[in-house]
Amino acid sequence: MSDRITLTGLRVFGRHGVFGHEKRDGQEFVVDLTVWLDLTAAAATDDLRQTLHYGELAELAAAIVGGEPYDLIESVAGRIADEVLKDSRVSGVEVTVHKPSAPIPLTFDDVAVTVGRKR
């Protein structure tokens, strides 16, 4: 079994979508992240430097969602995953980006894309 840190339900305003009004008006996106890394040293030492700071993880994801607009939430999720993997302690990451207000002319609860990356 591998150790992991999970962050769910991060809500961030962004301007992603293929339609002009999505980039102009924006909407709320929701991000879920799971990051796999060895937490043995953090558990043994109670030292924040031995783990991935989940506040910084949330800020990283929020900066990407709230930053440069992309057409696809696949691109948003992939960019978050790639940035998280820059930390050499991370062995894997899974990112789900939800777009609950996607412009679909039908009744639905959510649209989401999940990407996974491993080292």
C-alpha atoms as a PDB file:
ATOM      1  CA  MET A   1       0.000   0.000   0.000  1.00  0.00           C
ATOM      2  CA  SER A   2       1.249   3.448  -0.863  1.00  0.00           C
ATOM      3  CA  ASP A   3       0.905   6.583   1.220  1.00  0.00           C
ATOM      4  CA  ARG A   4      -1.088   9.419  -0.244  1.00  0.00           C
ATOM      5  CA  ILE A   5      -2.406  12.908   0.383  1.00  0.00           C
ATOM      6  CA  THR A   6      -5.899  13.689  -0.887  1.00  0.00           C
ATOM      7  CA  LEU A   7      -7.473  17.095  -1.436  1.00  0.00           C
ATOM      8  CA  THR A   8     -11.093  17.168  -2.601  1.00  0.00           C
ATOM      9  CA  GLY A   9     -13.564  19.852  -3.531  1.00  0.00           C
ATOM     10  CA  LEU A  10     -11.175  22.745  -4.194  1.00  0.00           C
ATOM     11  CA  ARG A  11     -13.402  25.403  -5.787  1.00  0.00           C
ATOM     12  CA  VAL A  12     -11.758  27.922  -8.083  1.00  0.00           C
ATOM     13  CA  PHE A  13     -13.119  30.433 -10.596  1.00  0.00           C
ATOM     14  CA  GLY A  14     -11.605  29.971 -14.051  1.00  0.00           C
ATOM     15  CA  ARG A  15     -12.142  30.829 -17.704  1.00  0.00           C
ATOM     16  CA  HIS A  16     -11.740  27.503 -19.503  1.00  0.00           C
ATOM     17  CA  GLY A  17     -13.822  26.274 -22.410  1.00  0.00           C
ATOM     18  CA  VAL A  18     -14.069  26.177 -26.177  1.00  0.00           C
ATOM     19  CA  PHE A  19     -16.762  28.852 -26.351  1.00  0.00           C
ATOM     20  CA  GLY A  20     -15.996  32.557 -26.211  1.00  0.00           C
ATOM     21  CA  HIS A  21     -18.553  33.194 -23.476  1.00  0.00           C
ATOM     22  CA  GLU A  22     -16.825  30.631 -21.233  1.00  0.00           C
ATOM     23  CA  LYS A  23     -13.551  32.510 -21.447  1.00  0.00           C
ATOM     24  CA  ARG A  24     -15.297  35.877 -21.126  1.00  0.00           C
ATOM     25  CA  ASP A  25     -17.690  35.086 -18.255  1.00  0.00           C
ATOM     26  CA  GLY A  26     -15.856  32.216 -16.540  1.00  0.00           C
ATOM     27  CA  GLN A  27     -17.314  29.749 -14.086  1.00  0.00           C
ATOM     28  CA  GLU A  28     -16.477  27.708 -11.021  1.00  0.00           C
ATOM     29  CA  PHE A  29     -14.367  24.573 -11.382  1.00  0.00           C
ATOM     30  CA  VAL A  30     -13.844  21.935  -8.708  1.00  0.00           C
ATOM     31  CA  VAL A  31     -10.561  20.051  -8.338  1.00  0.00           C
ATOM     32  CA  ASP A  32      -9.806  16.773  -6.576  1.00  0.00           C
ATOM     33  CA  LEU A  33      -6.187  15.677  -6.154  1.00  0.00           C
ATOM     34  CA  THR A  34      -4.539  12.537  -4.874  1.00  0.00           C
ATOM     35  CA  VAL A  35      -0.763  12.532  -4.554  1.00  0.00           C
ATOM     36  CA  TRP A  36       1.237   9.384  -3.806  1.00  0.00           C
ATOM     37  CA  LEU A  37       4.492   9.721  -1.873  1.00  0.00           C
ATOM     38  CA  ASP A  38       6.313   8.036   0.982  1.00  0.00           C
ATOM     39  CA  LEU A  39       5.125   9.602   4.246  1.00  0.00           C
ATOM     40  CA  THR A  40       7.264   7.432   6.538  1.00  0.00           C
ATOM     41  CA  ALA A  41       9.687  10.220   7.492  1.00  0.00           C
ATOM     42  CA  ALA A  42       6.881  12.737   8.048  1.00  0.00           C
ATOM     43  CA  ALA A  43       5.005  10.331  10.309  1.00  0.00           C
ATOM     44  CA  ALA A  44       8.145   9.485  12.293  1.00  0.00           C
ATOM     45  CA  THR A  45       9.438  13.036  12.727  1.00  0.00           C
ATOM     46  CA  ASP A  46       6.236  15.121  12.725  1.00  0.00           C
ATOM     47  CA  ASP A  47       8.180  17.489  10.445  1.00  0.00           C
ATOM     48  CA  LEU A  48       6.274  19.396   7.759  1.00  0.00           C
ATOM     49  CA  ARG A  49       9.411  19.499   5.604  1.00  0.00           C
ATOM     50  CA  GLN A  50       9.175  15.708   5.241  1.00  0.00           C
ATOM     51  CA  THR A  51       5.822  15.825   3.484  1.00  0.00           C
ATOM     52  CA  LEU A  52       3.991  17.688   0.755  1.00  0.00           C
ATOM     53  CA  HIS A  53       2.355  20.790   2.243  1.00  0.00           C
ATOM     54  CA  TYR A  54      -1.309  20.411   1.261  1.00  0.00           C
ATOM     55  CA  GLY A  55      -1.904  24.153   1.523  1.00  0.00           C
ATOM     56  CA  GLU A  56       0.787  24.725  -1.093  1.00  0.00           C
ATOM     57  CA  LEU A  57      -0.690  21.903  -3.164  1.00  0.00           C
ATOM     58  CA  ALA A  58      -4.073  23.670  -3.111  1.00  0.00           C
ATOM     59  CA  GLU A  59      -2.467  27.001  -4.046  1.00  0.00           C
ATOM     60  CA  LEU A  60      -0.639  25.390  -6.975  1.00  0.00           C
ATOM     61  CA  ALA A  61      -3.849  23.889  -8.368  1.00  0.00           C
ATOM     62  CA  ALA A  62      -5.808  27.114  -7.766  1.00  0.00           C
ATOM     63  CA  ALA A  63      -3.188  29.184  -9.596  1.00  0.00           C
ATOM     64  CA  ILE A  64      -3.492  26.952 -12.659  1.00  0.00           C
ATOM     65  CA  VAL A  65      -7.299  26.848 -12.658  1.00  0.00           C
ATOM     66  CA  GLY A  66      -7.527  30.590 -12.037  1.00  0.00           C
ATOM     67  CA  GLY A  67      -4.759  31.439 -14.487  1.00  0.00           C
ATOM     68  CA  GLU A  68      -4.255  31.039 -18.221  1.00  0.00           C
ATOM     69  CA  PRO A  69      -7.450  29.928 -19.977  1.00  0.00           C
ATOM     70  CA  TYR A  70      -7.470  26.576 -21.761  1.00  0.00           C
ATOM     71  CA  ASP A  71     -10.034  25.187 -24.171  1.00  0.00           C
ATOM     72  CA  LEU A  72     -10.135  21.783 -22.484  1.00  0.00           C
ATOM     73  CA  ILE A  73     -10.323  20.750 -18.854  1.00  0.00           C
ATOM     74  CA  GLU A  74      -8.093  17.848 -19.946  1.00  0.00           C
ATOM     75  CA  SER A  75      -5.363  20.450 -20.413  1.00  0.00           C
ATOM     76  CA  VAL A  76      -6.055  21.992 -17.012  1.00  0.00           C
ATOM     77  CA  ALA A  77      -5.887  18.609 -15.259  1.00  0.00           C
ATOM     78  CA  GLY A  78      -2.736  17.625 -17.154  1.00  0.00           C
ATOM     79  CA  ARG A  79      -0.984  20.860 -16.282  1.00  0.00           C
ATOM     80  CA  ILE A  80      -1.783  20.430 -12.584  1.00  0.00           C
ATOM     81  CA  ALA A  81      -0.514  16.839 -12.661  1.00  0.00           C
ATOM     82  CA  ASP A  82       2.699  17.825 -14.445  1.00  0.00           C
ATOM     83  CA  GLU A  83       3.390  20.602 -11.930  1.00  0.00           C
ATOM     84  CA  VAL A  84       2.798  18.310  -8.937  1.00  0.00           C
ATOM     85  CA  LEU A  85       5.196  15.723 -10.409  1.00  0.00           C
ATOM     86  CA  LYS A  86       7.988  18.308 -10.407  1.00  0.00           C
ATOM     87  CA  ASP A  87       8.414  17.459  -6.723  1.00  0.00           C
ATOM     88  CA  SER A  88      10.816  14.496  -6.835  1.00  0.00           C
ATOM     89  CA  ARG A  89       9.229  12.927  -3.743  1.00  0.00           C
ATOM     90  CA  VAL A  90       5.949  12.380  -5.621  1.00  0.00           C
ATOM     91  CA  SER A  91       5.601   8.953  -7.233  1.00  0.00           C
ATOM     92  CA  GLY A  92       2.176   9.532  -8.734  1.00  0.00           C
ATOM     93  CA  VAL A  93      -0.715  11.955  -8.965  1.00  0.00           C
ATOM     94  CA  GLU A  94      -4.360  11.814  -9.963  1.00  0.00           C
ATOM     95  CA  VAL A  95      -6.207  15.028 -10.789  1.00  0.00           C
ATOM     96  CA  THR A  96      -9.922  15.388 -11.441  1.00  0.00           C
ATOM     97  CA  VAL A  97     -11.256  18.675 -12.768  1.00  0.00           C
ATOM     98  CA  HIS A  98     -15.035  19.050 -12.509  1.00  0.00           C
ATOM     99  CA  LYS A  99     -16.965  21.500 -14.666  1.00  0.00           C
ATOM    100  CA  PRO A 100     -20.452  21.458 -13.105  1.00  0.00           C
ATOM    101  CA  SER A 101     -21.683  24.394 -15.210  1.00  0.00           C
ATOM    102  CA  ALA A 102     -20.501  23.061 -18.565  1.00  0.00           C
ATOM    103  CA  PRO A 103     -22.587  24.406 -21.455  1.00  0.00           C
ATOM    104  CA  ILE A 104     -24.620  21.263 -22.094  1.00  0.00           C
ATOM    105  CA  PRO A 105     -28.277  21.867 -22.991  1.00  0.00           C
ATOM    106  CA  LEU A 106     -29.472  18.949 -20.852  1.00  0.00           C
ATOM    107  CA  THR A 107     -29.943  18.366 -17.141  1.00  0.00           C
ATOM    108  CA  PHE A 108     -26.808  16.898 -15.538  1.00  0.00           C
ATOM    109  CA  ASP A 109     -24.977  17.000 -12.228  1.00  0.00           C
ATOM    110  CA  ASP A 110     -21.354  17.201 -13.283  1.00  0.00           C
ATOM    111  CA  VAL A 111     -18.793  16.759 -16.026  1.00  0.00           C
ATOM    112  CA  ALA A 112     -15.293  15.788 -14.975  1.00  0.00           C
ATOM    113  CA  VAL A 113     -11.985  14.700 -16.454  1.00  0.00           C
ATOM    114  CA  THR A 114      -9.462  12.649 -14.507  1.00  0.00           C
ATOM    115  CA  VAL A 115      -5.811  12.280 -15.451  1.00  0.00           C
ATOM    116  CA  GLY A 116      -3.222  10.125 -13.751  1.00  0.00           C
ATOM    117  CA  ARG A 117       0.541  10.424 -13.972  1.00  0.00           C
ATOM    118  CA  LYS A 118       3.301   8.221 -12.543  1.00  0.00           C
ATOM    119  CA  ARG A 119       6.994   8.720 -12.256  1.00  0.00           C
END
